[in-house]
Protein backbone atom coordinates (compact mmCIF):
# COMPACT_ATOMS: atom_id res chain seq x y z
CA UNK A 1 -42.36 -35.30 3.35
CA UNK A 2 -39.62 -36.67 1.16
CA UNK A 3 -38.65 -33.52 -0.74
CA UNK A 4 -36.38 -31.01 1.05
CA UNK A 5 -38.28 -28.51 3.17
CA UNK A 6 -36.50 -25.16 3.41
CA UNK A 7 -36.49 -23.35 6.74
CA UNK A 8 -36.33 -19.55 6.79
CA UNK A 9 -33.40 -19.00 9.16
CA UNK A 10 -31.82 -15.83 10.48
CA UNK A 11 -28.14 -15.15 11.02
CA UNK A 12 -26.84 -16.30 14.37
CA UNK A 13 -25.99 -13.84 17.13
CA UNK A 14 -22.27 -14.44 16.69
CA UNK A 15 -22.37 -13.61 12.99
CA UNK A 16 -24.49 -10.53 13.61
CA UNK A 17 -22.05 -9.38 16.30
CA UNK A 18 -19.06 -9.99 14.06
CA UNK A 19 -20.65 -8.02 11.25
CA UNK A 20 -21.39 -5.20 13.70
CA UNK A 21 -17.75 -5.07 14.79
CA UNK A 22 -16.61 -5.13 11.17
CA UNK A 23 -19.00 -2.28 10.39
CA UNK A 24 -17.54 -0.15 13.18
CA UNK A 25 -13.99 -0.90 11.96
CA UNK A 26 -14.90 0.05 8.38
CA UNK A 27 -16.58 3.26 9.49
CA UNK A 28 -13.47 4.23 11.51
CA UNK A 29 -11.33 3.52 8.45
CA UNK A 30 -13.64 5.68 6.31
CA UNK A 31 -13.48 8.52 8.84
CA UNK A 32 -9.68 8.38 9.04
CA UNK A 33 -9.37 8.27 5.24
CA UNK A 34 -11.76 11.18 4.85
CA UNK A 35 -9.96 13.34 7.39
CA UNK A 36 -6.53 12.58 5.99
CA UNK A 37 -7.63 13.12 2.38
CA UNK A 38 -9.42 16.37 3.10
CA UNK A 39 -6.75 17.78 5.40
CA UNK A 40 -3.68 16.85 3.35
CA UNK A 41 -4.03 19.58 0.74
CA UNK A 42 -4.43 17.13 -2.13
CA UNK A 43 -5.85 17.91 -5.52
CA UNK A 44 -9.46 16.97 -6.22
CA UNK A 45 -8.41 13.92 -8.22
CA UNK A 46 -6.11 12.68 -5.45
CA UNK A 47 -8.86 13.19 -2.87
CA UNK A 48 -11.36 11.21 -4.96
CA UNK A 49 -8.87 8.36 -5.50
CA UNK A 50 -7.92 8.26 -1.82
CA UNK A 51 -11.53 8.25 -0.66
CA UNK A 52 -12.55 5.58 -3.16
CA UNK A 53 -9.65 3.32 -2.16
CA UNK A 54 -9.82 3.76 1.60
CA UNK A 55 -13.56 4.36 1.96
CA UNK A 56 -15.38 2.91 -1.04
CA UNK A 57 -13.59 -0.43 -1.27
CA UNK A 58 -14.00 -1.35 2.43
CA UNK A 59 -17.69 -0.46 2.32
CA UNK A 60 -18.21 -2.57 -0.82
CA UNK A 61 -16.24 -5.40 0.77
CA UNK A 62 -18.38 -5.26 3.90
CA UNK A 63 -21.58 -5.32 1.82
CA UNK A 64 -20.26 -8.29 -0.17
CA UNK A 65 -19.30 -10.13 3.02
CA UNK A 66 -22.74 -9.52 4.53
CA UNK A 67 -24.44 -10.82 1.36
CA UNK A 68 -22.16 -13.88 1.37
CA UNK A 69 -23.06 -14.69 4.99
CA UNK A 70 -26.77 -14.09 4.48
CA UNK A 71 -26.98 -16.23 1.35
CA UNK A 72 -24.70 -18.86 2.85
CA UNK A 73 -26.80 -19.36 6.00
CA UNK A 74 -29.46 -21.96 5.31
CA UNK A 75 -31.26 -24.90 6.86
CA UNK A 76 -33.56 -27.51 5.43
CA UNK A 77 -35.08 -30.89 6.22
CA UNK A 78 -34.16 -33.90 4.08
CA UNK A 79 -36.46 -36.61 5.36
CA UNK A 80 -35.56 -37.03 9.04
CA UNK A 81 -32.23 -35.20 8.66
CA UNK A 82 -31.81 -31.52 9.47
CA UNK A 83 -29.12 -29.94 7.29
CA UNK A 84 -27.61 -26.66 8.49
CA UNK A 85 -25.20 -24.61 6.35
CA UNK A 86 -23.31 -21.58 7.61
CA UNK A 87 -20.87 -20.09 5.06
CA UNK A 88 -18.68 -23.07 4.05
CA UNK A 89 -19.59 -25.41 6.91
CA UNK A 90 -22.45 -27.90 6.57
CA UNK A 91 -23.68 -30.12 9.40
CA UNK A 92 -26.28 -32.88 9.30
CA UNK A 93 -28.29 -33.95 12.33
CA UNK A 94 -30.38 -37.09 12.46
CA UNK A 95 -33.66 -36.01 14.06
CA UNK A 96 -34.47 -39.53 15.23
CA UNK A 97 -31.62 -39.19 17.77
CA UNK A 98 -32.11 -35.52 18.66
CA UNK A 99 -34.26 -33.71 21.16
CA UNK A 100 -36.12 -30.71 19.74
CA UNK A 101 -37.79 -27.71 21.32
CA UNK A 102 -39.72 -25.36 19.05
CA UNK A 103 -40.53 -21.92 20.45
CA UNK A 104 -42.11 -20.33 17.39
CA UNK A 105 -39.07 -18.09 16.91
CA UNK A 106 -36.36 -20.74 17.15
CA UNK A 107 -35.73 -24.45 16.96
CA UNK A 108 -33.41 -25.75 19.66
CA UNK A 109 -31.74 -29.01 18.67
CA UNK A 110 -29.91 -31.21 21.18
CA UNK A 111 -28.03 -33.99 19.44
CA UNK A 112 -25.94 -36.49 21.44
CA UNK A 113 -23.33 -36.65 18.66
CA UNK A 114 -22.86 -33.01 17.68
CA UNK A 115 -24.07 -31.13 20.76
CA UNK A 116 -26.77 -28.47 20.99
CA UNK A 117 -27.52 -25.42 18.91
CA UNK A 118 -30.27 -22.88 18.38
CA UNK A 119 -31.63 -22.31 14.90
CA UNK A 120 -33.20 -18.83 14.77
CA UNK A 121 -36.22 -18.65 12.48
CA UNK A 122 -37.38 -15.55 10.64
CA UNK A 123 -40.88 -17.01 10.12
CA UNK A 124 -42.71 -19.64 12.18
CA UNK A 125 -42.77 -23.22 10.92
CA UNK A 126 -45.99 -24.41 9.26
CA UNK A 127 -48.15 -26.75 11.35
CA UNK A 128 -47.47 -29.76 9.09
CA UNK A 129 -43.71 -29.33 9.63
CA UNK A 130 -44.21 -29.10 13.40
CA UNK A 131 -46.33 -32.27 13.28
CA UNK A 132 -43.64 -33.98 11.18
CA UNK A 133 -40.99 -33.01 13.74
CA UNK A 134 -43.18 -34.33 16.57
CA UNK A 135 -43.51 -37.68 14.82
CA UNK A 136 -39.85 -38.11 13.93
CA UNK A 137 -38.00 -36.63 16.90
CA UNK A 138 -35.89 -38.92 19.05
CA UNK A 139 -37.04 -41.06 21.94
CA UNK A 140 -38.16 -37.98 23.87
CA UNK A 141 -40.85 -36.92 21.39
CA UNK A 142 -42.68 -34.88 24.03
CA UNK A 143 -39.86 -32.31 23.85
CA UNK A 144 -41.04 -31.10 20.44
CA UNK A 145 -43.36 -28.46 21.74
CA UNK A 146 -44.61 -25.12 20.67
CA UNK A 147 -43.52 -23.04 23.64
CA UNK A 148 -44.44 -19.42 24.08
CA UNK A 149 -41.34 -17.25 24.33
CA UNK A 150 -40.85 -15.67 27.72
CA UNK A 151 -41.80 -12.00 27.74
């Protein structure tokens, strides 16, 4: 396994929550712009311009931001190194030093140098990747397990 192996990762809970808050803020802005444009006695052209500026642009900006975050969130394996990219930040974790727990829906990585994080997966890892992780995890190789998520 020398070529990079891409992992199908989901957005983290913090990013999803931030996008949810931004969505609520944009919808409030759209509602305020709509009410002020419709209730101000403007001409049709002024109403269309006001709504496009204060409603259309924020919605397009939010869609662009969401696409940027989704496309910018990636993870892959380069040999025994796990590379994780979120927006502009990239971190590399040496798996020979880390402790891994695989639950089928997430990969929990505990690295003595960079701390611990959870990598949410949209699809389960193939068996050969799980076997590779079992072979190359740190000194506590027994921690690379396929746990069933608690229900």
